[in-house]
Amino acid sequence: MKHSQHQQLVLLSGLSGAGKSVALKALEDLGFYCLDNLPAPLLPQAVSMLDLDGYPKIAIGIDARSAHNLSTFPDHLAALMDLGLDVRMLFLEANNEVLVKRYSESRRSHPLSLGELTVSESVVVEREMLENIREMSHVIDTSGLSAAQLRTWVREFIATDRAKLMLIFESFGFKHGLPLDADFVFDARCLPNPFYDPALRSLTGMDQPVADFLMRQASVGNYLTHILGFLERWLPEFERDQRSYVTVAIGCTGGQHRSVYLAEELRRHFSRNRQVLVRHREQHQRS
């Protein structure tokens, strides 16, 4: 069956408790017709039916509740790709501690527990079950994200041009944990810290006084130059490998000053000739 030329399909997967319901609601707000927990063998049929019914934007949730069908997922995905659809895959995850805490606070049981496994054990099993889907997807680590941040990141994901490599720069604070979605991690904690200047402490790397402070530090300029050189050398290799997304995480202690400044500088440089997004993971924590 011939599909609409511009039909857009988002396949959303991820760990239970990582925010899939929030992401699906964000997609619904963007005009997507959303289905959750659809067995993999029904994917081509569901997409065809919705196309005939005039739905150009479809989002389908796939998770471990359909465990017995996950092994056939790559075959059904290949069939959809052959139809020429704009297929995007998004995977949500979070660290084990956060997932266990979310389940504890909600007092819900994990869908894989079946009264036999603890939440922690269920998360480990689920990670293994979904690893192949994760490897094929753009990953968002929701461990430190608010619901509003996740909705924003989903909207940005949808707005990207899938035909071009998307370069994502993500600032974060090491004291809040490493981002699970990073392809590269650079540690900026060795650089002079504006936090120790009382006049700069409450600001971030997006504020001009902090930028001025960091621009005066020779080590900051040298560090930025080395990151630029590394990425300029290796990004063409990712493009040749037909990668759609590369996430570069830059961390400092709290994720407010040095990492934010470097992420913004990297954006300025690469946005001249590349598709770029910037995410500041810890910014919602400012009071």
Protein backbone atom coordinates (compact mmCIF):
# COMPACT_ATOMS: atom_id res chain seq x y z
CA MET A 1 0.00 0.00 0.00
CA LYS A 2 1.31 3.45 -0.92
CA HIS A 3 1.57 5.83 2.01
CA SER A 4 1.24 9.57 2.12
CA GLN A 5 4.51 11.12 1.07
CA HIS A 6 4.84 13.21 4.21
CA GLN A 7 3.47 10.78 6.77
CA GLN A 8 5.48 11.11 9.95
CA LEU A 9 5.85 8.21 12.37
CA VAL A 10 7.42 8.39 15.82
CA LEU A 11 8.16 5.11 17.58
CA LEU A 12 8.48 5.83 21.29
CA SER A 13 10.01 3.32 23.65
CA GLY A 14 11.85 3.35 26.93
CA LEU A 15 12.01 2.10 30.48
CA SER A 16 8.88 2.02 32.61
CA GLY A 17 8.82 5.13 34.75
CA ALA A 18 11.11 7.12 32.43
CA GLY A 19 8.37 9.47 31.21
CA LYS A 20 6.75 7.81 28.22
CA SER A 21 3.26 9.04 29.16
CA VAL A 22 4.56 12.62 29.35
CA ALA A 23 6.26 12.26 25.96
CA LEU A 24 3.15 10.77 24.35
CA LYS A 25 1.05 13.64 25.68
CA ALA A 26 3.59 16.11 24.24
CA LEU A 27 3.33 14.37 20.86
CA GLU A 28 -0.45 14.45 21.07
CA ASP A 29 -0.28 18.20 21.68
CA LEU A 30 1.81 18.44 18.51
CA GLY A 31 -0.98 16.87 16.49
CA PHE A 32 0.13 13.24 16.54
CA TYR A 33 -2.38 10.42 16.72
CA CYS A 34 -0.99 8.37 19.62
CA LEU A 35 -1.22 4.64 20.35
CA ASP A 36 0.46 2.99 23.32
CA ASN A 37 1.78 -0.52 23.84
CA LEU A 38 1.15 -1.74 20.30
CA PRO A 39 2.56 -5.24 19.56
CA ALA A 40 5.32 -5.06 16.95
CA PRO A 41 3.56 -7.31 14.38
CA LEU A 42 0.67 -4.82 14.23
CA LEU A 43 2.87 -1.84 13.35
CA PRO A 44 2.54 -1.95 9.51
CA GLN A 45 -1.19 -2.66 9.69
CA ALA A 46 -1.87 0.13 12.19
CA VAL A 47 0.18 2.67 10.23
CA SER A 48 -1.61 1.76 6.98
CA MET A 49 -5.06 2.04 8.54
CA LEU A 50 -4.31 5.40 10.13
CA ASP A 51 -2.87 6.68 6.86
CA LEU A 52 -6.07 5.73 5.05
CA ASP A 53 -8.07 7.51 7.75
CA GLY A 54 -6.12 10.70 7.05
CA TYR A 55 -3.68 10.84 9.98
CA PRO A 56 -0.35 12.18 8.66
CA LYS A 57 1.35 12.21 12.08
CA ILE A 58 1.39 9.05 14.17
CA ALA A 59 3.16 8.20 17.43
CA ILE A 60 3.26 4.62 18.71
CA GLY A 61 4.51 3.49 22.09
CA ILE A 62 6.40 0.20 22.26
CA ASP A 63 7.59 -1.24 25.55
CA ALA A 64 8.42 -4.37 27.48
CA ARG A 65 4.77 -5.24 28.07
CA SER A 66 4.91 -6.71 24.55
CA ALA A 67 7.99 -8.76 25.39
CA HIS A 68 7.06 -11.79 23.30
CA ASN A 69 6.93 -9.60 20.15
CA LEU A 70 10.12 -7.57 20.62
CA SER A 71 12.32 -10.04 18.75
CA THR A 72 10.45 -9.31 15.50
CA PHE A 73 10.60 -5.52 15.92
CA PRO A 74 13.62 -4.94 13.61
CA ASP A 75 11.86 -6.73 10.75
CA HIS A 76 8.71 -4.65 11.08
CA LEU A 77 10.76 -1.47 11.41
CA ALA A 78 12.60 -2.32 8.19
CA ALA A 79 9.27 -2.80 6.43
CA LEU A 80 8.13 0.65 7.55
CA MET A 81 11.39 2.26 6.47
CA ASP A 82 11.05 0.67 3.02
CA LEU A 83 7.74 2.49 2.59
CA GLY A 84 9.56 5.83 2.62
CA LEU A 85 7.98 7.11 5.83
CA ASP A 86 9.67 9.70 8.02
CA VAL A 87 10.31 7.25 10.87
CA ARG A 88 11.89 8.55 14.06
CA MET A 89 12.72 6.44 17.08
CA LEU A 90 12.88 7.94 20.55
CA PHE A 91 13.95 6.04 23.67
CA LEU A 92 13.51 7.35 27.22
CA GLU A 93 15.57 6.09 30.11
CA ALA A 94 16.69 7.07 33.60
CA ASN A 95 19.14 5.68 36.12
CA ASN A 96 18.05 2.84 38.37
CA GLU A 97 17.92 4.93 41.53
CA VAL A 98 15.57 7.47 39.95
CA LEU A 99 13.30 4.78 38.50
CA VAL A 100 13.02 2.98 41.84
CA LYS A 101 12.26 6.28 43.58
CA ARG A 102 9.54 7.14 41.05
CA TYR A 103 7.86 3.80 41.57
CA SER A 104 8.13 4.16 45.32
CA GLU A 105 6.51 7.60 45.23
CA SER A 106 3.72 6.51 42.88
CA ARG A 107 3.13 3.24 44.80
CA ARG A 108 2.59 1.47 41.49
CA SER A 109 3.99 -1.97 40.71
CA HIS A 110 6.44 -2.42 37.85
CA PRO A 111 4.76 -4.09 34.83
CA LEU A 112 7.41 -6.82 34.77
CA SER A 113 7.37 -7.62 38.48
CA LEU A 114 4.41 -10.04 38.33
CA GLY A 115 4.55 -10.19 42.11
CA GLU A 116 7.90 -11.98 41.99
CA LEU A 117 10.59 -9.38 41.22
CA THR A 118 11.53 -6.22 43.08
CA VAL A 119 11.44 -2.91 41.21
CA SER A 120 15.24 -2.93 40.97
CA GLU A 121 15.26 -6.44 39.53
CA SER A 122 12.48 -5.55 37.09
CA VAL A 123 14.44 -2.54 35.82
CA VAL A 124 17.50 -4.71 35.13
CA VAL A 125 15.39 -7.23 33.19
CA GLU A 126 13.67 -4.46 31.24
CA ARG A 127 16.98 -2.83 30.25
CA GLU A 128 18.15 -6.12 28.77
CA MET A 129 14.87 -6.65 26.90
CA LEU A 130 14.90 -3.19 25.32
CA GLU A 131 18.62 -2.83 24.61
CA ASN A 132 18.29 -3.53 20.88
CA ILE A 133 15.57 -0.89 20.50
CA ARG A 134 17.67 1.59 22.48
CA GLU A 135 20.60 1.06 20.11
CA MET A 136 18.42 2.06 17.14
CA SER A 137 16.94 5.16 18.81
CA HIS A 138 17.67 8.69 19.84
CA VAL A 139 18.04 8.47 23.63
CA ILE A 140 16.86 11.01 26.22
CA ASP A 141 17.95 10.52 29.82
CA THR A 142 15.11 11.82 31.98
CA SER A 143 16.84 11.21 35.33
CA GLY A 144 17.18 14.89 36.18
CA LEU A 145 14.47 16.34 33.95
CA SER A 146 11.24 18.02 34.90
CA ALA A 147 8.12 17.15 32.91
CA ALA A 148 8.32 20.58 31.25
CA GLN A 149 11.91 19.96 30.15
CA LEU A 150 11.01 16.57 28.70
CA ARG A 151 8.13 18.07 26.74
CA THR A 152 10.50 20.72 25.34
CA TRP A 153 13.12 18.15 24.37
CA VAL A 154 10.48 16.02 22.63
CA ARG A 155 9.28 19.06 20.64
CA GLU A 156 12.86 19.83 19.63
CA PHE A 157 13.39 16.21 18.58
CA ILE A 158 10.35 16.34 16.30
CA ALA A 159 11.42 19.65 14.75
CA THR A 160 14.79 18.35 13.54
CA ASP A 161 15.57 17.44 9.94
CA ARG A 162 16.13 13.68 9.94
CA ALA A 163 18.10 13.91 6.70
CA LYS A 164 20.89 15.78 8.49
CA LEU A 165 23.01 14.77 11.46
CA MET A 166 21.75 16.50 14.61
CA LEU A 167 24.51 17.66 16.95
CA ILE A 168 23.30 18.03 20.55
CA PHE A 169 25.31 19.82 23.22
CA GLU A 170 24.16 19.07 26.75
CA SER A 171 25.49 20.81 29.85
CA PHE A 172 25.21 18.97 33.17
CA GLY A 173 26.51 18.88 36.73
CA PHE A 174 28.60 15.92 37.85
CA LYS A 175 27.10 16.16 41.32
CA HIS A 176 23.74 15.26 39.76
CA GLY A 177 25.11 12.26 37.86
CA LEU A 178 26.38 11.50 34.38
CA PRO A 179 23.86 11.76 31.50
CA LEU A 180 23.01 8.33 30.13
CA ASP A 181 22.29 9.66 26.64
CA ALA A 182 25.75 11.09 25.89
CA ASP A 183 27.97 9.81 23.07
CA PHE A 184 30.89 11.92 24.34
CA VAL A 185 31.50 13.42 27.80
CA PHE A 186 33.93 16.28 28.46
CA ASP A 187 34.86 17.21 32.04
CA ALA A 188 35.23 20.98 32.59
CA ARG A 189 35.82 20.79 36.34
CA CYS A 190 39.52 21.49 35.78
CA LEU A 191 38.72 25.03 34.59
CA PRO A 192 38.48 28.17 36.78
CA ASN A 193 35.10 28.23 38.52
CA PRO A 194 32.97 31.42 38.49
CA PHE A 195 31.05 30.01 41.45
CA TYR A 196 33.76 31.30 43.79
CA ASP A 197 33.12 34.90 42.74
CA PRO A 198 30.14 36.06 44.87
CA ALA A 199 29.04 38.42 42.09
CA LEU A 200 28.80 35.50 39.60
CA ARG A 201 27.54 32.70 41.83
CA SER A 202 23.83 33.20 41.16
CA LEU A 203 24.33 33.62 37.39
CA THR A 204 24.84 30.99 34.69
CA GLY A 205 27.08 30.52 31.68
CA MET A 206 24.46 32.25 29.55
CA ASP A 207 24.93 35.52 31.45
CA GLN A 208 27.46 37.95 30.01
CA PRO A 209 29.45 38.56 33.24
CA VAL A 210 30.13 34.83 33.53
CA ALA A 211 31.03 34.61 29.84
CA ASP A 212 33.41 37.57 30.24
CA PHE A 213 35.07 35.89 33.25
CA LEU A 214 35.59 32.62 31.37
CA MET A 215 36.79 34.29 28.16
CA ARG A 216 39.60 35.89 30.16
CA GLN A 217 40.91 32.47 31.23
CA ALA A 218 43.48 31.07 28.80
CA SER A 219 42.77 27.50 29.94
CA VAL A 220 39.11 27.86 28.98
CA GLY A 221 40.02 28.95 25.46
CA ASN A 222 42.49 26.10 25.09
CA TYR A 223 39.96 23.56 26.36
CA LEU A 224 37.32 24.81 23.92
CA THR A 225 39.80 24.69 21.03
CA HIS A 226 40.63 21.06 21.77
CA ILE A 227 36.95 20.04 21.88
CA LEU A 228 36.32 21.84 18.59
CA GLY A 229 39.27 20.10 16.96
CA PHE A 230 38.16 16.69 18.17
CA LEU A 231 34.59 17.11 16.92
CA GLU A 232 35.60 18.63 13.59
CA ARG A 233 37.83 15.61 13.02
CA TRP A 234 35.33 12.90 13.95
CA LEU A 235 31.84 14.20 13.09
CA PRO A 236 32.31 13.40 9.36
CA GLU A 237 32.92 9.77 10.37
CA PHE A 238 29.56 9.67 12.17
CA GLU A 239 27.90 11.14 9.08
CA ARG A 240 29.47 8.47 6.90
CA ASP A 241 28.11 5.91 9.35
CA GLN A 242 24.64 7.45 8.73
CA ARG A 243 24.17 8.45 12.34
CA SER A 244 21.20 10.76 12.90
CA TYR A 245 22.19 12.17 16.31
CA VAL A 246 25.38 12.77 18.25
CA THR A 247 25.09 13.99 21.84
CA VAL A 248 28.09 15.77 23.36
CA ALA A 249 27.83 16.31 27.12
CA ILE A 250 29.94 18.91 28.92
CA GLY A 251 29.99 18.69 32.68
CA CYS A 252 31.15 20.88 35.53
CA THR A 253 30.43 20.56 39.25
CA GLY A 254 26.93 22.02 39.37
CA GLY A 255 26.08 22.38 35.69
CA GLN A 256 25.47 26.13 35.91
CA HIS A 257 28.56 28.04 34.77
CA ARG A 258 31.45 26.42 32.90
CA SER A 259 29.51 23.62 31.18
CA VAL A 260 26.73 26.00 30.12
CA TYR A 261 29.20 28.51 28.70
CA LEU A 262 31.09 25.82 26.75
CA ALA A 263 27.88 24.31 25.36
CA GLU A 264 26.76 27.73 24.15
CA GLU A 265 30.15 28.43 22.55
CA LEU A 266 30.05 25.06 20.79
CA ARG A 267 26.58 25.86 19.53
CA ARG A 268 27.78 29.19 18.14
CA HIS A 269 30.60 27.51 16.28
CA PHE A 270 28.79 24.51 14.81
CA SER A 271 25.44 26.14 14.04
CA ARG A 272 27.10 27.95 11.12
CA ASN A 273 26.98 24.78 9.03
CA ARG A 274 25.28 22.07 11.09
CA GLN A 275 21.94 21.28 12.71
CA VAL A 276 22.48 21.97 16.42
CA LEU A 277 20.49 21.74 19.65
CA VAL A 278 21.60 22.84 23.12
CA ARG A 279 20.20 21.40 26.33
CA HIS A 280 21.03 22.66 29.81
CA ARG A 281 20.02 19.81 32.08
CA GLU A 282 20.37 21.56 35.43
CA GLN A 283 18.85 24.94 34.57
CA HIS A 284 15.41 24.05 35.97
CA GLN A 285 17.06 23.60 39.39
CA ARG A 286 17.80 27.32 39.72
CA SER A 287 15.71 28.97 42.37
